[in-house]
Amino acid sequence: MESFGSDFSSGSSSGKMDTGTIMEQVKVQIAVANAQELLQRMTDKCFKKCIGKPGSTLDNSEHKCIAMCMDRYMDAWNTVSRAYNSRLQRERARI
């Protein structure tokens, strides 16, 4: 991210930034940040739920618990995400 400023140049001779390109780059950065936050929250929640005593390896029940917890978390997140997007579309249609 050290080249933050240079990533947004449009390459035109006037030196103006292409707002469409900037918006797309911002959307990608937001999507990456959201994915990282989702993964961190899921990891924290499932670790607390499934791991009694941290050690060098997971036993079979911990492994199974982690897998099921992550599956349920992703299913719930996808359900909420679809409902939210559907609501946004309905709200935008009213405008």
N, C-alpha and C. Protein backbone atom coordinates (compact mmCIF):
# COMPACT_ATOMS: atom_id res chain seq x y z
N MET A 1 0.82 -1.18 0.00
CA MET A 1 0.00 0.00 0.00
C MET A 1 0.87 1.25 0.00
N GLU A 2 2.17 1.07 -0.06
CA GLU A 2 3.04 2.23 -0.07
C GLU A 2 2.92 3.02 -1.37
N SER A 3 2.42 2.39 -2.43
CA SER A 3 2.25 3.09 -3.69
C SER A 3 0.81 3.56 -3.86
N PHE A 4 0.15 3.86 -2.77
CA PHE A 4 -1.26 4.22 -2.76
C PHE A 4 -1.58 5.32 -3.75
N GLY A 5 -0.83 6.40 -3.72
CA GLY A 5 -1.10 7.54 -4.60
C GLY A 5 -0.90 7.20 -6.07
N SER A 6 0.12 6.41 -6.37
CA SER A 6 0.41 6.10 -7.76
C SER A 6 -0.60 5.12 -8.35
N ASP A 7 -1.26 4.33 -7.52
CA ASP A 7 -2.25 3.38 -8.02
C ASP A 7 -3.46 4.07 -8.63
N PHE A 8 -3.69 5.31 -8.27
CA PHE A 8 -4.90 6.00 -8.69
C PHE A 8 -4.69 6.92 -9.89
N SER A 9 -3.52 6.95 -10.46
CA SER A 9 -3.33 7.82 -11.63
C SER A 9 -3.96 7.16 -12.84
N SER A 10 -4.53 7.98 -13.68
CA SER A 10 -5.24 7.45 -14.84
C SER A 10 -4.33 7.26 -16.04
N GLY A 11 -3.14 7.80 -15.99
CA GLY A 11 -2.23 7.66 -17.10
C GLY A 11 -2.47 8.69 -18.19
N SER A 12 -3.39 9.59 -18.00
CA SER A 12 -3.65 10.61 -19.01
C SER A 12 -2.63 11.73 -18.87
N SER A 13 -2.45 12.46 -19.95
CA SER A 13 -1.44 13.52 -19.93
C SER A 13 -1.87 14.69 -19.07
N SER A 14 -3.18 14.84 -18.81
CA SER A 14 -3.64 15.97 -18.00
C SER A 14 -3.39 15.75 -16.52
N GLY A 15 -3.11 14.52 -16.13
CA GLY A 15 -2.83 14.23 -14.72
C GLY A 15 -4.08 14.06 -13.88
N LYS A 16 -5.26 14.14 -14.49
CA LYS A 16 -6.50 13.95 -13.73
C LYS A 16 -6.68 12.47 -13.40
N MET A 17 -7.29 12.24 -12.25
CA MET A 17 -7.55 10.87 -11.85
C MET A 17 -8.88 10.41 -12.44
N ASP A 18 -8.94 9.18 -12.87
CA ASP A 18 -10.15 8.59 -13.41
C ASP A 18 -11.00 8.13 -12.23
N THR A 19 -12.11 8.82 -11.99
CA THR A 19 -12.93 8.52 -10.81
C THR A 19 -13.54 7.12 -10.88
N GLY A 20 -13.85 6.64 -12.08
CA GLY A 20 -14.38 5.29 -12.21
C GLY A 20 -13.37 4.24 -11.75
N THR A 21 -12.13 4.44 -12.14
CA THR A 21 -11.06 3.52 -11.73
C THR A 21 -10.85 3.59 -10.22
N ILE A 22 -10.86 4.79 -9.69
CA ILE A 22 -10.68 4.96 -8.24
C ILE A 22 -11.81 4.26 -7.49
N MET A 23 -13.04 4.44 -7.95
CA MET A 23 -14.18 3.81 -7.27
C MET A 23 -14.06 2.28 -7.30
N GLU A 24 -13.63 1.74 -8.43
CA GLU A 24 -13.47 0.29 -8.52
C GLU A 24 -12.38 -0.20 -7.58
N GLN A 25 -11.28 0.53 -7.50
CA GLN A 25 -10.19 0.15 -6.60
C GLN A 25 -10.63 0.23 -5.14
N VAL A 26 -11.41 1.25 -4.81
CA VAL A 26 -11.92 1.38 -3.45
C VAL A 26 -12.87 0.24 -3.13
N LYS A 27 -13.73 -0.12 -4.08
CA LYS A 27 -14.66 -1.24 -3.87
C LYS A 27 -13.91 -2.54 -3.62
N VAL A 28 -12.84 -2.76 -4.38
CA VAL A 28 -12.04 -3.97 -4.19
C VAL A 28 -11.38 -3.96 -2.81
N GLN A 29 -10.84 -2.81 -2.42
CA GLN A 29 -10.20 -2.72 -1.10
C GLN A 29 -11.21 -2.95 0.02
N ILE A 30 -12.41 -2.43 -0.13
CA ILE A 30 -13.46 -2.64 0.87
C ILE A 30 -13.85 -4.11 0.93
N ALA A 31 -13.99 -4.75 -0.24
CA ALA A 31 -14.34 -6.17 -0.27
C ALA A 31 -13.27 -7.02 0.42
N VAL A 32 -12.00 -6.71 0.18
CA VAL A 32 -10.91 -7.44 0.82
C VAL A 32 -10.95 -7.23 2.33
N ALA A 33 -11.15 -6.00 2.77
CA ALA A 33 -11.22 -5.71 4.20
C ALA A 33 -12.40 -6.43 4.85
N ASN A 34 -13.54 -6.47 4.17
CA ASN A 34 -14.71 -7.18 4.70
C ASN A 34 -14.45 -8.68 4.80
N ALA A 35 -13.79 -9.24 3.79
CA ALA A 35 -13.47 -10.68 3.83
C ALA A 35 -12.51 -10.99 4.98
N GLN A 36 -11.53 -10.12 5.18
CA GLN A 36 -10.58 -10.32 6.28
C GLN A 36 -11.29 -10.23 7.62
N GLU A 37 -12.20 -9.29 7.77
CA GLU A 37 -12.94 -9.15 9.02
C GLU A 37 -13.83 -10.37 9.25
N LEU A 38 -14.50 -10.85 8.21
CA LEU A 38 -15.33 -12.04 8.31
C LEU A 38 -14.50 -13.23 8.78
N LEU A 39 -13.36 -13.44 8.16
CA LEU A 39 -12.50 -14.56 8.52
C LEU A 39 -12.02 -14.44 9.96
N GLN A 40 -11.65 -13.23 10.38
CA GLN A 40 -11.16 -13.03 11.75
C GLN A 40 -12.27 -13.30 12.77
N ARG A 41 -13.46 -12.79 12.51
CA ARG A 41 -14.59 -13.02 13.43
C ARG A 41 -14.95 -14.49 13.51
N MET A 42 -14.98 -15.14 12.36
CA MET A 42 -15.32 -16.56 12.33
C MET A 42 -14.26 -17.37 13.09
N THR A 43 -13.00 -17.06 12.88
CA THR A 43 -11.92 -17.76 13.57
C THR A 43 -12.02 -17.57 15.07
N ASP A 44 -12.22 -16.33 15.51
CA ASP A 44 -12.33 -16.05 16.94
C ASP A 44 -13.51 -16.80 17.57
N LYS A 45 -14.65 -16.70 16.93
CA LYS A 45 -15.87 -17.31 17.48
C LYS A 45 -15.75 -18.84 17.54
N CYS A 46 -15.28 -19.44 16.47
CA CYS A 46 -15.19 -20.89 16.43
C CYS A 46 -14.06 -21.41 17.34
N PHE A 47 -12.98 -20.68 17.46
CA PHE A 47 -11.90 -21.08 18.37
C PHE A 47 -12.42 -21.11 19.80
N LYS A 48 -13.10 -20.02 20.19
CA LYS A 48 -13.63 -19.95 21.56
C LYS A 48 -14.63 -21.07 21.83
N LYS A 49 -15.44 -21.40 20.83
CA LYS A 49 -16.47 -22.42 21.00
C LYS A 49 -15.89 -23.83 21.03
N CYS A 50 -14.87 -24.09 20.23
CA CYS A 50 -14.45 -25.47 19.98
C CYS A 50 -13.15 -25.91 20.66
N ILE A 51 -12.28 -25.00 21.00
CA ILE A 51 -10.98 -25.39 21.53
C ILE A 51 -10.96 -25.18 23.04
N GLY A 52 -10.95 -26.29 23.77
CA GLY A 52 -10.93 -26.22 25.23
C GLY A 52 -9.55 -25.88 25.76
N LYS A 53 -8.59 -26.67 25.36
CA LYS A 53 -7.20 -26.48 25.79
C LYS A 53 -6.32 -26.42 24.55
N PRO A 54 -5.84 -25.23 24.18
CA PRO A 54 -4.97 -25.14 22.99
C PRO A 54 -3.73 -26.01 23.16
N GLY A 55 -3.37 -26.68 22.11
CA GLY A 55 -2.18 -27.53 22.10
C GLY A 55 -1.54 -27.50 20.73
N SER A 56 -0.65 -28.43 20.51
CA SER A 56 0.07 -28.44 19.23
C SER A 56 -0.74 -29.06 18.11
N THR A 57 -1.77 -29.84 18.46
CA THR A 57 -2.63 -30.46 17.44
C THR A 57 -4.09 -30.39 17.90
N LEU A 58 -4.98 -30.58 16.94
CA LEU A 58 -6.41 -30.66 17.24
C LEU A 58 -6.80 -32.12 17.35
N ASP A 59 -7.62 -32.44 18.35
CA ASP A 59 -8.13 -33.81 18.38
C ASP A 59 -9.32 -33.89 17.42
N ASN A 60 -9.82 -35.09 17.22
CA ASN A 60 -10.87 -35.31 16.22
C ASN A 60 -12.12 -34.49 16.51
N SER A 61 -12.55 -34.42 17.77
CA SER A 61 -13.76 -33.67 18.10
C SER A 61 -13.57 -32.17 17.88
N GLU A 62 -12.39 -31.64 18.18
CA GLU A 62 -12.12 -30.22 17.93
C GLU A 62 -12.12 -29.93 16.44
N HIS A 63 -11.51 -30.82 15.68
CA HIS A 63 -11.46 -30.65 14.22
C HIS A 63 -12.86 -30.63 13.63
N LYS A 64 -13.70 -31.57 14.08
CA LYS A 64 -15.08 -31.65 13.61
C LYS A 64 -15.87 -30.41 14.02
N CYS A 65 -15.69 -29.97 15.26
CA CYS A 65 -16.39 -28.79 15.77
C CYS A 65 -16.01 -27.54 14.97
N ILE A 66 -14.71 -27.37 14.71
CA ILE A 66 -14.24 -26.20 13.93
C ILE A 66 -14.87 -26.21 12.54
N ALA A 67 -14.84 -27.36 11.88
CA ALA A 67 -15.39 -27.47 10.52
C ALA A 67 -16.88 -27.14 10.51
N MET A 68 -17.63 -27.71 11.45
CA MET A 68 -19.08 -27.45 11.50
C MET A 68 -19.37 -26.00 11.86
N CYS A 69 -18.61 -25.46 12.80
CA CYS A 69 -18.81 -24.07 13.22
C CYS A 69 -18.58 -23.12 12.04
N MET A 70 -17.50 -23.35 11.31
CA MET A 70 -17.19 -22.48 10.17
C MET A 70 -18.25 -22.60 9.09
N ASP A 71 -18.73 -23.82 8.85
CA ASP A 71 -19.80 -24.01 7.86
C ASP A 71 -21.06 -23.26 8.27
N ARG A 72 -21.45 -23.40 9.53
CA ARG A 72 -22.66 -22.70 10.01
C ARG A 72 -22.48 -21.19 9.95
N TYR A 73 -21.30 -20.72 10.33
CA TYR A 73 -21.04 -19.29 10.32
C TYR A 73 -21.15 -18.74 8.89
N MET A 74 -20.55 -19.43 7.93
CA MET A 74 -20.62 -18.99 6.53
C MET A 74 -22.05 -19.06 6.00
N ASP A 75 -22.79 -20.11 6.34
CA ASP A 75 -24.18 -20.21 5.90
C ASP A 75 -25.01 -19.04 6.45
N ALA A 76 -24.82 -18.74 7.73
CA ALA A 76 -25.56 -17.62 8.33
C ALA A 76 -25.16 -16.31 7.69
N TRP A 77 -23.87 -16.12 7.46
CA TRP A 77 -23.40 -14.87 6.85
C TRP A 77 -23.97 -14.72 5.44
N ASN A 78 -23.99 -15.81 4.68
CA ASN A 78 -24.55 -15.76 3.32
C ASN A 78 -26.03 -15.44 3.34
N THR A 79 -26.76 -16.01 4.28
CA THR A 79 -28.20 -15.74 4.39
C THR A 79 -28.45 -14.27 4.71
N VAL A 80 -27.72 -13.75 5.67
CA VAL A 80 -27.87 -12.34 6.05
C VAL A 80 -27.47 -11.44 4.88
N SER A 81 -26.38 -11.79 4.21
CA SER A 81 -25.90 -10.99 3.08
C SER A 81 -26.94 -10.94 1.96
N ARG A 82 -27.53 -12.09 1.63
CA ARG A 82 -28.56 -12.11 0.58
C ARG A 82 -29.77 -11.27 0.98
N ALA A 83 -30.20 -11.39 2.23
CA ALA A 83 -31.35 -10.62 2.70
C ALA A 83 -31.05 -9.12 2.66
N TYR A 84 -29.84 -8.75 3.07
CA TYR A 84 -29.45 -7.34 3.06
C TYR A 84 -29.41 -6.79 1.64
N ASN A 85 -28.82 -7.55 0.73
CA ASN A 85 -28.75 -7.10 -0.67
C ASN A 85 -30.14 -7.00 -1.29
N SER A 86 -31.01 -7.93 -0.96
CA SER A 86 -32.38 -7.88 -1.46
C SER A 86 -33.10 -6.63 -0.95
N ARG A 87 -32.90 -6.33 0.31
CA ARG A 87 -33.53 -5.14 0.88
C ARG A 87 -32.97 -3.87 0.24
N LEU A 88 -31.67 -3.83 0.01
CA LEU A 88 -31.08 -2.67 -0.66
C LEU A 88 -31.68 -2.46 -2.04
N GLN A 89 -31.84 -3.54 -2.78
CA GLN A 89 -32.43 -3.44 -4.12
C GLN A 89 -33.86 -2.92 -4.06
N ARG A 90 -34.64 -3.40 -3.09
CA ARG A 90 -36.02 -2.91 -2.96
C ARG A 90 -36.03 -1.43 -2.61
N GLU A 91 -35.13 -1.01 -1.72
CA GLU A 91 -35.07 0.40 -1.33
C GLU A 91 -34.65 1.28 -2.51
N ARG A 92 -33.70 0.79 -3.30
CA ARG A 92 -33.25 1.56 -4.48
C ARG A 92 -34.35 1.66 -5.52
N ALA A 93 -35.17 0.63 -5.63
CA ALA A 93 -36.28 0.64 -6.61
C ALA A 93 -37.32 1.67 -6.22
N ARG A 94 -37.46 1.96 -4.95
CA ARG A 94 -38.44 2.96 -4.49
C ARG A 94 -38.01 4.38 -4.84
N ILE A 95 -36.72 4.59 -4.97
CA ILE A 95 -36.21 5.94 -5.20
C ILE A 95 -36.46 6.39 -6.62
